[in-house]
Amino acid sequence: MEQVIPGSGSKAEQRQDTYTLEAWQQAGKWFSYDGHAIFSRMAGMGEPLVLLHGFPTASWDWNRIWPMLASSYQLLSLDMLGFGFSDKPRDYAYSIEDQTDLVQGWVEGLGLTSVHLLAHDYGSTVVQELLARDQDGALPFRVESVCLLNGGLFPEVHNPLFIQKVLKSPLGGLISRGLTRSAFERNFRRLFGDRNPPMQQDMEDFWHLLTYNNGRGILHQLIQFMEERRCHRNRWVGALRNASQPMRLITGTADPVSGSAMARRYRELIPAPDVVSLRNVGHYPHFESPWDVFSAYRDFRASLGD
């Protein structure tokens, strides 16, 4: 199934009912994972919906769609280790497997027996590992449905920015520690579509999340997930191909990293692919065009009889 939606809504409409970064942080709670503090947010009532963020940002990415979703679902989100307001230890072996352990333990610790998943970018790779564990019979809760936004699901068509390639290289440590705000903004803005680019306050907030707890110093460690995607390609792509759960991909087609090419590959490899394409929208569709993403997600859940 294929749907194409032109990006809609003015900047004012896209930014209504949003949180300031300070308010987002104040409404959160922390819990401990392996001795490290993890920031989390929960709100709403209904079936549990876990929202997983991308690289190099945090759960705050969801703030524009949060009020819409909270009216129908019990929302659960967190800043994964090394991201946002969570701890960012320097001497740590960051990996998708470890982040999946974090998410799995958190859901299990909350006593949830089933969840729906909505994920972006880095978080989508965590979902792929969760699905693989589910297929291995190693997941202590049910995954009822999966909705994915832009992300590197298939490493063979992933097109990282030059700065991402350099961060992953042997020079990554130097680049990470020396990253300036202007260099970050210049590269980060390339990920967005023309219709609703981030405002200056948005860029200040993204930079604050990145540098909080000296986060610049570990970017080269976090970005090794791109190599993990290549090494575990068969397991993680197989998890998508073999998933028994209903799945939908909502993709911003103006994304230069994982947009149209990734969606085409998804249609090629996934049985009976359900894809919603958002024109003029980039790598962060839930931030750039929250109403369109909410509408596509609401329709997806309605198709399940929810």
C-alpha atoms as a PDB file:
ATOM      1  CA  MET A   1       0.000   0.000   0.000  1.00  0.00           C
ATOM      2  CA  GLU A   2       1.329   3.434  -0.925  1.00  0.00           C
ATOM      3  CA  GLN A   3       0.197   6.873   0.134  1.00  0.00           C
ATOM      4  CA  VAL A   4       1.786  10.160  -0.897  1.00  0.00           C
ATOM      5  CA  ILE A   5       1.007  13.245   1.172  1.00  0.00           C
ATOM      6  CA  PRO A   6       2.272  16.738   0.263  1.00  0.00           C
ATOM      7  CA  GLY A   7       3.830  18.423   3.300  1.00  0.00           C
ATOM      8  CA  SER A   8       1.150  20.588   4.884  1.00  0.00           C
ATOM      9  CA  GLY A   9       0.679  23.248   7.509  1.00  0.00           C
ATOM     10  CA  SER A  10       2.284  26.622   8.119  1.00  0.00           C
ATOM     11  CA  LYS A  11       5.145  27.065  10.560  1.00  0.00           C
ATOM     12  CA  ALA A  12       2.712  28.451  13.131  1.00  0.00           C
ATOM     13  CA  GLU A  13       0.405  25.471  12.724  1.00  0.00           C
ATOM     14  CA  GLN A  14       3.309  23.021  12.942  1.00  0.00           C
ATOM     15  CA  ARG A  15       4.557  24.635  16.173  1.00  0.00           C
ATOM     16  CA  GLN A  16       1.365  24.891  18.177  1.00  0.00           C
ATOM     17  CA  ASP A  17       0.900  22.893  21.375  1.00  0.00           C
ATOM     18  CA  THR A  18       4.639  22.294  21.770  1.00  0.00           C
ATOM     19  CA  TYR A  19       6.875  22.243  24.796  1.00  0.00           C
ATOM     20  CA  THR A  20       9.917  24.339  25.534  1.00  0.00           C
ATOM     21  CA  LEU A  21      12.998  22.226  26.136  1.00  0.00           C
ATOM     22  CA  GLU A  22      13.083  23.344  29.766  1.00  0.00           C
ATOM     23  CA  ALA A  23       9.448  22.314  30.299  1.00  0.00           C
ATOM     24  CA  TRP A  24      10.153  18.960  28.628  1.00  0.00           C
ATOM     25  CA  GLN A  25      13.013  18.298  31.021  1.00  0.00           C
ATOM     26  CA  GLN A  26      11.069  19.403  34.097  1.00  0.00           C
ATOM     27  CA  ALA A  27       8.221  17.005  33.263  1.00  0.00           C
ATOM     28  CA  GLY A  28      10.560  14.032  33.023  1.00  0.00           C
ATOM     29  CA  LYS A  29      11.773  11.395  35.439  1.00  0.00           C
ATOM     30  CA  TRP A  30      15.082   9.580  35.749  1.00  0.00           C
ATOM     31  CA  PHE A  31      15.757   5.925  36.426  1.00  0.00           C
ATOM     32  CA  SER A  32      18.974   3.948  36.751  1.00  0.00           C
ATOM     33  CA  TYR A  33      20.470   1.638  34.136  1.00  0.00           C
ATOM     34  CA  ASP A  34      23.749  -0.059  34.994  1.00  0.00           C
ATOM     35  CA  GLY A  35      24.483   2.771  37.425  1.00  0.00           C
ATOM     36  CA  HIS A  36      23.707   5.520  34.903  1.00  0.00           C
ATOM     37  CA  ALA A  37      20.834   8.035  35.041  1.00  0.00           C
ATOM     38  CA  ILE A  38      18.328   7.715  32.180  1.00  0.00           C
ATOM     39  CA  PHE A  39      15.834  10.480  31.406  1.00  0.00           C
ATOM     40  CA  SER A  40      12.268   9.411  30.564  1.00  0.00           C
ATOM     41  CA  ARG A  41       8.897  10.930  29.770  1.00  0.00           C
ATOM     42  CA  MET A  42       5.447   9.400  30.193  1.00  0.00           C
ATOM     43  CA  ALA A  43       1.979  10.795  29.549  1.00  0.00           C
ATOM     44  CA  GLY A  44      -1.506   9.922  28.366  1.00  0.00           C
ATOM     45  CA  MET A  45      -3.853   6.996  28.771  1.00  0.00           C
ATOM     46  CA  GLY A  46      -4.595   3.944  26.676  1.00  0.00           C
ATOM     47  CA  GLU A  47      -2.484   1.247  25.079  1.00  0.00           C
ATOM     48  CA  PRO A  48       1.255   1.722  25.715  1.00  0.00           C
ATOM     49  CA  LEU A  49       3.128   3.344  22.821  1.00  0.00           C
ATOM     50  CA  VAL A  50       6.921   3.458  23.095  1.00  0.00           C
ATOM     51  CA  LEU A  51       8.604   6.254  21.115  1.00  0.00           C
ATOM     52  CA  LEU A  52      12.311   5.841  20.314  1.00  0.00           C
ATOM     53  CA  HIS A  53      14.413   8.758  19.083  1.00  0.00           C
ATOM     54  CA  GLY A  54      17.226   9.088  16.563  1.00  0.00           C
ATOM     55  CA  PHE A  55      20.873  10.163  16.377  1.00  0.00           C
ATOM     56  CA  PRO A  56      22.211  12.567  17.617  1.00  0.00           C
ATOM     57  CA  THR A  57      19.124  13.998  19.294  1.00  0.00           C
ATOM     58  CA  ALA A  58      16.738  12.828  22.036  1.00  0.00           C
ATOM     59  CA  SER A  59      13.154  12.171  23.107  1.00  0.00           C
ATOM     60  CA  TRP A  60      12.410  15.897  22.791  1.00  0.00           C
ATOM     61  CA  ASP A  61      12.199  15.271  19.030  1.00  0.00           C
ATOM     62  CA  TRP A  62       8.681  13.992  19.734  1.00  0.00           C
ATOM     63  CA  ASN A  63       7.474  17.158  21.501  1.00  0.00           C
ATOM     64  CA  ARG A  64       5.390  18.477  18.587  1.00  0.00           C
ATOM     65  CA  ILE A  65       3.459  15.261  18.073  1.00  0.00           C
ATOM     66  CA  TRP A  66       3.340  14.372  21.790  1.00  0.00           C
ATOM     67  CA  PRO A  67       0.078  16.202  22.711  1.00  0.00           C
ATOM     68  CA  MET A  68      -1.742  14.666  19.726  1.00  0.00           C
ATOM     69  CA  LEU A  69      -0.664  11.126  20.573  1.00  0.00           C
ATOM     70  CA  ALA A  70      -1.222  11.566  24.315  1.00  0.00           C
ATOM     71  CA  SER A  71      -4.938  12.022  23.741  1.00  0.00           C
ATOM     72  CA  SER A  72      -5.233   8.378  22.612  1.00  0.00           C
ATOM     73  CA  TYR A  73      -2.261   6.402  23.953  1.00  0.00           C
ATOM     74  CA  GLN A  74      -0.106   5.897  27.010  1.00  0.00           C
ATOM     75  CA  LEU A  75       3.156   7.407  25.782  1.00  0.00           C
ATOM     76  CA  LEU A  76       6.561   6.264  26.961  1.00  0.00           C
ATOM     77  CA  SER A  77       9.811   7.737  25.744  1.00  0.00           C
ATOM     78  CA  LEU A  78      13.364   8.037  26.991  1.00  0.00           C
ATOM     79  CA  ASP A  79      16.743   9.493  26.112  1.00  0.00           C
ATOM     80  CA  MET A  80      18.925   6.500  25.378  1.00  0.00           C
ATOM     81  CA  LEU A  81      22.299   6.278  27.080  1.00  0.00           C
ATOM     82  CA  GLY A  82      24.639   8.899  25.642  1.00  0.00           C
ATOM     83  CA  PHE A  83      21.798  11.107  24.371  1.00  0.00           C
ATOM     84  CA  GLY A  84      19.860  14.149  25.558  1.00  0.00           C
ATOM     85  CA  PHE A  85      19.434  14.485  29.318  1.00  0.00           C
ATOM     86  CA  SER A  86      20.643  10.955  30.104  1.00  0.00           C
ATOM     87  CA  ASP A  87      24.166  10.211  31.300  1.00  0.00           C
ATOM     88  CA  LYS A  88      26.937  10.220  28.688  1.00  0.00           C
ATOM     89  CA  PRO A  89      29.807   8.177  30.100  1.00  0.00           C
ATOM     90  CA  ARG A  90      33.070   8.477  28.159  1.00  0.00           C
ATOM     91  CA  ASP A  91      34.487   5.044  28.852  1.00  0.00           C
ATOM     92  CA  TYR A  92      31.539   2.979  27.669  1.00  0.00           C
ATOM     93  CA  ALA A  93      30.967   0.414  24.931  1.00  0.00           C
ATOM     94  CA  TYR A  94      27.914   1.966  23.254  1.00  0.00           C
ATOM     95  CA  SER A  95      25.983  -0.431  21.049  1.00  0.00           C
ATOM     96  CA  ILE A  96      22.527  -1.079  19.637  1.00  0.00           C
ATOM     97  CA  GLU A  97      22.401  -4.322  21.608  1.00  0.00           C
ATOM     98  CA  ASP A  98      23.021  -2.434  24.851  1.00  0.00           C
ATOM     99  CA  GLN A  99      20.453   0.257  24.028  1.00  0.00           C
ATOM    100  CA  THR A 100      17.964  -2.529  23.282  1.00  0.00           C
ATOM    101  CA  ASP A 101      18.747  -4.059  26.671  1.00  0.00           C
ATOM    102  CA  LEU A 102      17.985  -0.645  28.174  1.00  0.00           C
ATOM    103  CA  VAL A 103      14.620  -0.322  26.409  1.00  0.00           C
ATOM    104  CA  GLN A 104      13.662  -3.942  27.049  1.00  0.00           C
ATOM    105  CA  GLY A 105      14.521  -3.698  30.745  1.00  0.00           C
ATOM    106  CA  TRP A 106      12.639  -0.427  31.112  1.00  0.00           C
ATOM    107  CA  VAL A 107       9.455  -1.800  29.516  1.00  0.00           C
ATOM    108  CA  GLU A 108       9.706  -4.989  31.552  1.00  0.00           C
ATOM    109  CA  GLY A 109      10.358  -3.012  34.746  1.00  0.00           C
ATOM    110  CA  LEU A 110       7.187  -0.996  34.150  1.00  0.00           C
ATOM    111  CA  GLY A 111       5.250  -4.267  34.180  1.00  0.00           C
ATOM    112  CA  LEU A 112       3.954  -3.919  30.625  1.00  0.00           C
ATOM    113  CA  THR A 113       2.935  -7.114  28.857  1.00  0.00           C
ATOM    114  CA  SER A 114       2.492  -5.550  25.404  1.00  0.00           C
ATOM    115  CA  VAL A 115       3.496  -2.360  23.598  1.00  0.00           C
ATOM    116  CA  HIS A 116       3.250  -0.622  20.246  1.00  0.00           C
ATOM    117  CA  LEU A 117       6.446   0.885  18.825  1.00  0.00           C
ATOM    118  CA  LEU A 118       7.016   4.179  16.987  1.00  0.00           C
ATOM    119  CA  ALA A 119      10.643   4.865  16.139  1.00  0.00           C
ATOM    120  CA  HIS A 120      12.954   7.156  14.183  1.00  0.00           C
ATOM    121  CA  ASP A 121      16.474   6.643  12.813  1.00  0.00           C
ATOM    122  CA  TYR A 122      18.704   5.168  15.576  1.00  0.00           C
ATOM    123  CA  GLY A 123      15.551   4.103  17.414  1.00  0.00           C
ATOM    124  CA  SER A 124      14.410   2.184  14.339  1.00  0.00           C
ATOM    125  CA  THR A 125      17.544   0.047  14.555  1.00  0.00           C
ATOM    126  CA  VAL A 126      16.713  -0.671  18.203  1.00  0.00           C
ATOM    127  CA  VAL A 127      13.254  -1.752  17.014  1.00  0.00           C
ATOM    128  CA  GLN A 128      14.864  -4.101  14.490  1.00  0.00           C
ATOM    129  CA  GLU A 129      16.803  -5.776  17.316  1.00  0.00           C
ATOM    130  CA  LEU A 130      13.642  -5.944  19.443  1.00  0.00           C
ATOM    131  CA  LEU A 131      11.859  -7.688  16.564  1.00  0.00           C
ATOM    132  CA  ALA A 132      14.766 -10.104  16.157  1.00  0.00           C
ATOM    133  CA  ARG A 133      14.557 -10.958  19.849  1.00  0.00           C
ATOM    134  CA  ASP A 134      10.826 -11.399  19.541  1.00  0.00           C
ATOM    135  CA  GLN A 135      11.381 -13.873  16.705  1.00  0.00           C
ATOM    136  CA  ASP A 136      13.992 -15.643  18.844  1.00  0.00           C
ATOM    137  CA  GLY A 137      11.385 -16.036  21.605  1.00  0.00           C
ATOM    138  CA  ALA A 138      13.541 -13.910  23.910  1.00  0.00           C
ATOM    139  CA  LEU A 139      11.285 -10.895  24.470  1.00  0.00           C
ATOM    140  CA  PRO A 140       9.304 -10.816  27.750  1.00  0.00           C
ATOM    141  CA  PHE A 141       6.480  -8.675  26.281  1.00  0.00           C
ATOM    142  CA  ARG A 142       4.482  -8.592  23.048  1.00  0.00           C
ATOM    143  CA  VAL A 143       5.108  -6.112  20.275  1.00  0.00           C
ATOM    144  CA  GLU A 144       1.651  -5.385  18.876  1.00  0.00           C
ATOM    145  CA  SER A 145       2.601  -3.088  15.982  1.00  0.00           C
ATOM    146  CA  VAL A 146       5.546  -1.175  14.534  1.00  0.00           C
ATOM    147  CA  CYS A 147       5.657   2.218  12.847  1.00  0.00           C
ATOM    148  CA  LEU A 148       8.989   3.470  11.524  1.00  0.00           C
ATOM    149  CA  LEU A 149      10.089   6.926  10.400  1.00  0.00           C
ATOM    150  CA  ASN A 150      13.170   7.829   8.376  1.00  0.00           C
ATOM    151  CA  GLY A 151      16.192   5.716   9.268  1.00  0.00           C
ATOM    152  CA  GLY A 152      18.967   3.507   7.947  1.00  0.00           C
ATOM    153  CA  LEU A 153      17.007   0.272   7.828  1.00  0.00           C
ATOM    154  CA  PHE A 154      19.061  -1.036   4.912  1.00  0.00           C
ATOM    155  CA  PRO A 155      22.759  -0.103   5.101  1.00  0.00           C
ATOM    156  CA  GLU A 156      23.296  -0.667   1.377  1.00  0.00           C
ATOM    157  CA  VAL A 157      21.219   2.426   0.539  1.00  0.00           C
ATOM    158  CA  HIS A 158      22.105   4.580   3.551  1.00  0.00           C
ATOM    159  CA  ASN A 159      23.764   7.845   2.446  1.00  0.00           C
ATOM    160  CA  PRO A 160      25.451   9.462   5.496  1.00  0.00           C
ATOM    161  CA  LEU A 161      26.561  13.086   5.496  1.00  0.00           C
ATOM    162  CA  PHE A 162      30.291  13.738   5.127  1.00  0.00           C
ATOM    163  CA  ILE A 163      30.566  14.750   8.790  1.00  0.00           C
ATOM    164  CA  GLN A 164      29.002  11.432   9.811  1.00  0.00           C
ATOM    165  CA  LYS A 165      31.586   9.559   7.756  1.00  0.00           C
ATOM    166  CA  VAL A 166      34.401  11.533   9.389  1.00  0.00           C
ATOM    167  CA  LEU A 167      33.003  10.967  12.881  1.00  0.00           C
ATOM    168  CA  LYS A 168      33.010   7.225  12.207  1.00  0.00           C
ATOM    169  CA  SER A 169      36.616   7.323  10.965  1.00  0.00           C
ATOM    170  CA  PRO A 170      39.837   7.072  13.044  1.00  0.00           C
ATOM    171  CA  LEU A 171      39.738  10.891  13.227  1.00  0.00           C
ATOM    172  CA  GLY A 172      36.312  10.783  14.858  1.00  0.00           C
ATOM    173  CA  GLY A 173      37.507  11.546  18.369  1.00  0.00           C
ATOM    174  CA  LEU A 174      39.196  14.780  17.292  1.00  0.00           C
ATOM    175  CA  ILE A 175      36.236  15.837  15.158  1.00  0.00           C
ATOM    176  CA  SER A 176      33.785  15.038  17.933  1.00  0.00           C
ATOM    177  CA  ARG A 177      35.598  17.022  20.616  1.00  0.00           C
ATOM    178  CA  GLY A 178      36.251  19.931  18.272  1.00  0.00           C
ATOM    179  CA  LEU A 179      32.763  20.187  16.792  1.00  0.00           C
ATOM    180  CA  THR A 180      31.624  23.809  16.787  1.00  0.00           C
ATOM    181  CA  ARG A 181      28.074  25.036  16.959  1.00  0.00           C
ATOM    182  CA  SER A 182      28.299  26.593  13.490  1.00  0.00           C
ATOM    183  CA  ALA A 183      29.562  23.327  11.967  1.00  0.00           C
ATOM    184  CA  PHE A 184      26.807  21.400  13.721  1.00  0.00           C
ATOM    185  CA  GLU A 185      24.092  23.783  12.522  1.00  0.00           C
ATOM    186  CA  ARG A 186      25.381  23.843   8.955  1.00  0.00           C
ATOM    187  CA  ASN A 187      25.330  20.053   8.700  1.00  0.00           C
ATOM    188  CA  PHE A 188      22.185  19.462  10.735  1.00  0.00           C
ATOM    189  CA  ARG A 189      20.097  21.867   8.658  1.00  0.00           C
ATOM    190  CA  ARG A 190      20.855  19.782   5.566  1.00  0.00           C
ATOM    191  CA  LEU A 191      18.669  17.015   6.986  1.00  0.00           C
ATOM    192  CA  PHE A 192      15.474  19.073   6.823  1.00  0.00           C
ATOM    193  CA  GLY A 193      13.104  19.766   3.972  1.00  0.00           C
ATOM    194  CA  ASP A 194      12.509  23.284   2.617  1.00  0.00           C
ATOM    195  CA  ARG A 195       8.928  23.629   3.812  1.00  0.00           C
ATOM    196  CA  ASN A 196       9.414  23.687   7.602  1.00  0.00           C
ATOM    197  CA  PRO A 197      13.119  24.096   8.419  1.00  0.00           C
ATOM    198  CA  PRO A 198      14.083  24.474  12.087  1.00  0.00           C
ATOM    199  CA  MET A 199      13.953  27.944  13.571  1.00  0.00           C
ATOM    200  CA  GLN A 200      16.939  29.407  15.422  1.00  0.00           C
ATOM    201  CA  GLN A 201      15.485  28.471  18.821  1.00  0.00           C
ATOM    202  CA  ASP A 202      15.131  24.897  17.589  1.00  0.00           C
ATOM    203  CA  MET A 203      18.807  24.846  16.648  1.00  0.00           C
ATOM    204  CA  GLU A 204      19.757  26.205  20.069  1.00  0.00           C
ATOM    205  CA  ASP A 205      17.726  23.437  21.697  1.00  0.00           C
ATOM    206  CA  PHE A 206      19.257  20.706  19.536  1.00  0.00           C
ATOM    207  CA  TRP A 207      22.744  22.027  20.325  1.00  0.00           C
ATOM    208  CA  HIS A 208      21.955  22.121  24.053  1.00  0.00           C
ATOM    209  CA  LEU A 209      20.812  18.484  23.981  1.00  0.00           C
ATOM    210  CA  LEU A 210      23.933  17.483  22.080  1.00  0.00           C
ATOM    211  CA  THR A 211      26.377  19.245  24.407  1.00  0.00           C
ATOM    212  CA  TYR A 212      24.565  18.514  27.691  1.00  0.00           C
ATOM    213  CA  ASN A 213      26.825  16.490  30.014  1.00  0.00           C
ATOM    214  CA  ASN A 214      29.726  17.022  27.578  1.00  0.00           C
ATOM    215  CA  GLY A 215      27.999  15.013  24.848  1.00  0.00           C
ATOM    216  CA  ARG A 216      30.288  16.241  22.078  1.00  0.00           C
ATOM    217  CA  GLY A 217      33.067  14.052  23.430  1.00  0.00           C
ATOM    218  CA  ILE A 218      31.261  10.768  22.685  1.00  0.00           C
ATOM    219  CA  LEU A 219      29.695  11.385  19.268  1.00  0.00           C
ATOM    220  CA  HIS A 220      32.378   9.298  17.565  1.00  0.00           C
ATOM    221  CA  GLN A 221      31.521   6.408  19.897  1.00  0.00           C
ATOM    222  CA  LEU A 222      27.765   6.639  19.382  1.00  0.00           C
ATOM    223  CA  ILE A 223      28.002   6.823  15.602  1.00  0.00           C
ATOM    224  CA  GLN A 224      29.600   3.388  15.392  1.00  0.00           C
ATOM    225  CA  PHE A 225      26.023   2.136  15.136  1.00  0.00           C
ATOM    226  CA  MET A 226      26.428   2.659  11.394  1.00  0.00           C
ATOM    227  CA  GLU A 227      29.051  -0.084  11.353  1.00  0.00           C
ATOM    228  CA  GLU A 228      26.806  -2.240  13.539  1.00  0.00           C
ATOM    229  CA  ARG A 229      24.064  -1.917  10.937  1.00  0.00           C
ATOM    230  CA  ARG A 230      26.440  -3.276   8.319  1.00  0.00           C
ATOM    231  CA  CYS A 231      27.701  -6.128  10.511  1.00  0.00           C
ATOM    232  CA  HIS A 232      24.215  -7.200  11.644  1.00  0.00           C
ATOM    233  CA  ARG A 233      22.497  -6.461   8.349  1.00  0.00           C
ATOM    234  CA  ASN A 234      21.122  -9.979   7.851  1.00  0.00           C
ATOM    235  CA  ARG A 235      19.720 -10.230  11.383  1.00  0.00           C
ATOM    236  CA  TRP A 236      18.117  -6.797  11.384  1.00  0.00           C
ATOM    237  CA  VAL A 237      16.771  -6.772   7.830  1.00  0.00           C
ATOM    238  CA  GLY A 238      15.558 -10.322   8.381  1.00  0.00           C
ATOM    239  CA  ALA A 239      13.702  -9.135  11.472  1.00  0.00           C
ATOM    240  CA  LEU A 240      11.719  -6.694   9.322  1.00  0.00           C
ATOM    241  CA  ARG A 241      11.090  -9.198   6.548  1.00  0.00           C
ATOM    242  CA  ASN A 242       9.913 -11.878   8.992  1.00  0.00           C
ATOM    243  CA  ALA A 243       7.890  -9.666  11.309  1.00  0.00           C
ATOM    244  CA  SER A 244       4.383 -10.910  12.013  1.00  0.00           C
ATOM    245  CA  GLN A 245       3.287  -7.555  13.440  1.00  0.00           C
ATOM    246  CA  PRO A 246       1.524  -4.905  11.344  1.00  0.00           C
ATOM    247  CA  MET A 247       4.116  -2.357  10.156  1.00  0.00           C
ATOM    248  CA  ARG A 248       3.992   1.043   8.490  1.00  0.00           C
ATOM    249  CA  LEU A 249       6.830   3.232   7.196  1.00  0.00           C
ATOM    250  CA  ILE A 250       6.230   6.988   7.225  1.00  0.00           C
ATOM    251  CA  THR A 251       9.007   8.673   5.270  1.00  0.00           C
ATOM    252  CA  GLY A 252      10.003  12.229   4.465  1.00  0.00           C
ATOM    253  CA  THR A 253      11.095  12.050   0.845  1.00  0.00           C
ATOM    254  CA  ALA A 254      13.365  15.141   1.007  1.00  0.00           C
ATOM    255  CA  ASP A 255      15.702  13.390   3.462  1.00  0.00           C
ATOM    256  CA  PRO A 256      19.195  13.216   1.844  1.00  0.00           C
ATOM    257  CA  VAL A 257      20.369  10.433   4.171  1.00  0.00           C
ATOM    258  CA  SER A 258      17.536   7.908   4.355  1.00  0.00           C
ATOM    259  CA  GLY A 259      14.644   9.199   2.313  1.00  0.00           C
ATOM    260  CA  SER A 260      13.406   8.051  -1.094  1.00  0.00           C
ATOM    261  CA  ALA A 261      16.097   5.416  -1.687  1.00  0.00           C
ATOM    262  CA  MET A 262      15.389   3.818   1.685  1.00  0.00           C
ATOM    263  CA  ALA A 263      11.647   3.801   0.974  1.00  0.00           C
ATOM    264  CA  ARG A 264      12.231   2.153  -2.418  1.00  0.00           C
ATOM    265  CA  ARG A 265      14.346  -0.535  -0.786  1.00  0.00           C
ATOM    266  CA  TYR A 266      11.644  -1.052   1.835  1.00  0.00           C
ATOM    267  CA  ARG A 267       9.093  -1.668  -0.918  1.00  0.00           C
ATOM    268  CA  GLU A 268      11.439  -4.124  -2.595  1.00  0.00           C
ATOM    269  CA  LEU A 269      12.238  -6.220   0.465  1.00  0.00           C
ATOM    270  CA  ILE A 270       9.256  -6.056   2.832  1.00  0.00           C
ATOM    271  CA  PRO A 271       6.234  -8.258   2.073  1.00  0.00           C
ATOM    272  CA  ALA A 272       3.060  -6.220   1.406  1.00  0.00           C
ATOM    273  CA  PRO A 273       4.804  -2.926   2.256  1.00  0.00           C
ATOM    274  CA  ASP A 274       2.716  -0.174   3.843  1.00  0.00           C
ATOM    275  CA  VAL A 275       4.426   3.146   3.055  1.00  0.00           C
ATOM    276  CA  VAL A 276       3.291   6.747   3.530  1.00  0.00           C
ATOM    277  CA  SER A 277       5.485   9.283   1.719  1.00  0.00           C
ATOM    278  CA  LEU A 278       5.553  12.931   2.829  1.00  0.00           C
ATOM    279  CA  ARG A 279       6.686  15.289   0.096  1.00  0.00           C
ATOM    280  CA  ASN A 280       8.895  18.288   0.936  1.00  0.00           C
ATOM    281  CA  VAL A 281       9.682  16.729   4.328  1.00  0.00           C
ATOM    282  CA  GLY A 282      13.169  15.710   5.418  1.00  0.00           C
ATOM    283  CA  HIS A 283      14.795  13.399   7.942  1.00  0.00           C
ATOM    284  CA  TYR A 284      12.690  14.512  10.949  1.00  0.00           C
ATOM    285  CA  PRO A 285       9.078  14.180   9.724  1.00  0.00           C
ATOM    286  CA  HIS A 286       7.633  14.148  13.263  1.00  0.00           C
ATOM    287  CA  PHE A 287       9.369  17.472  13.922  1.00  0.00           C
ATOM    288  CA  GLU A 288       8.848  19.084  10.516  1.00  0.00           C
ATOM    289  CA  SER A 289       5.308  17.920   9.795  1.00  0.00           C
ATOM    290  CA  PRO A 290       3.820  16.563  13.032  1.00  0.00           C
ATOM    291  CA  TRP A 291       0.175  16.734  11.936  1.00  0.00           C
ATOM    292  CA  ASP A 292       0.854  14.679   8.820  1.00  0.00           C
ATOM    293  CA  VAL A 293       2.768  12.085  10.830  1.00  0.00           C
ATOM    294  CA  PHE A 294       0.053  11.962  13.468  1.00  0.00           C
ATOM    295  CA  SER A 295      -2.642  11.546  10.822  1.00  0.00           C
ATOM    296  CA  ALA A 296      -0.707   8.738   9.129  1.00  0.00           C
ATOM    297  CA  TYR A 297      -0.120   7.019  12.458  1.00  0.00           C
ATOM    298  CA  ARG A 298      -3.743   7.438  13.566  1.00  0.00           C
ATOM    299  CA  ASP A 299      -4.935   5.905  10.291  1.00  0.00           C
ATOM    300  CA  PHE A 300      -2.481   3.036  10.720  1.00  0.00           C
ATOM    301  CA  ARG A 301      -3.805   2.251  14.178  1.00  0.00           C
ATOM    302  CA  ALA A 302      -7.391   2.598  12.969  1.00  0.00           C
ATOM    303  CA  SER A 303      -6.662  -0.019  10.312  1.00  0.00           C
ATOM    304  CA  LEU A 304      -5.753  -2.392  13.137  1.00  0.00           C
ATOM    305  CA  GLY A 305      -9.128  -1.871  14.767  1.00  0.00           C
ATOM    306  CA  ASP A 306      -7.722   0.215  17.629  1.00  0.00           C
END
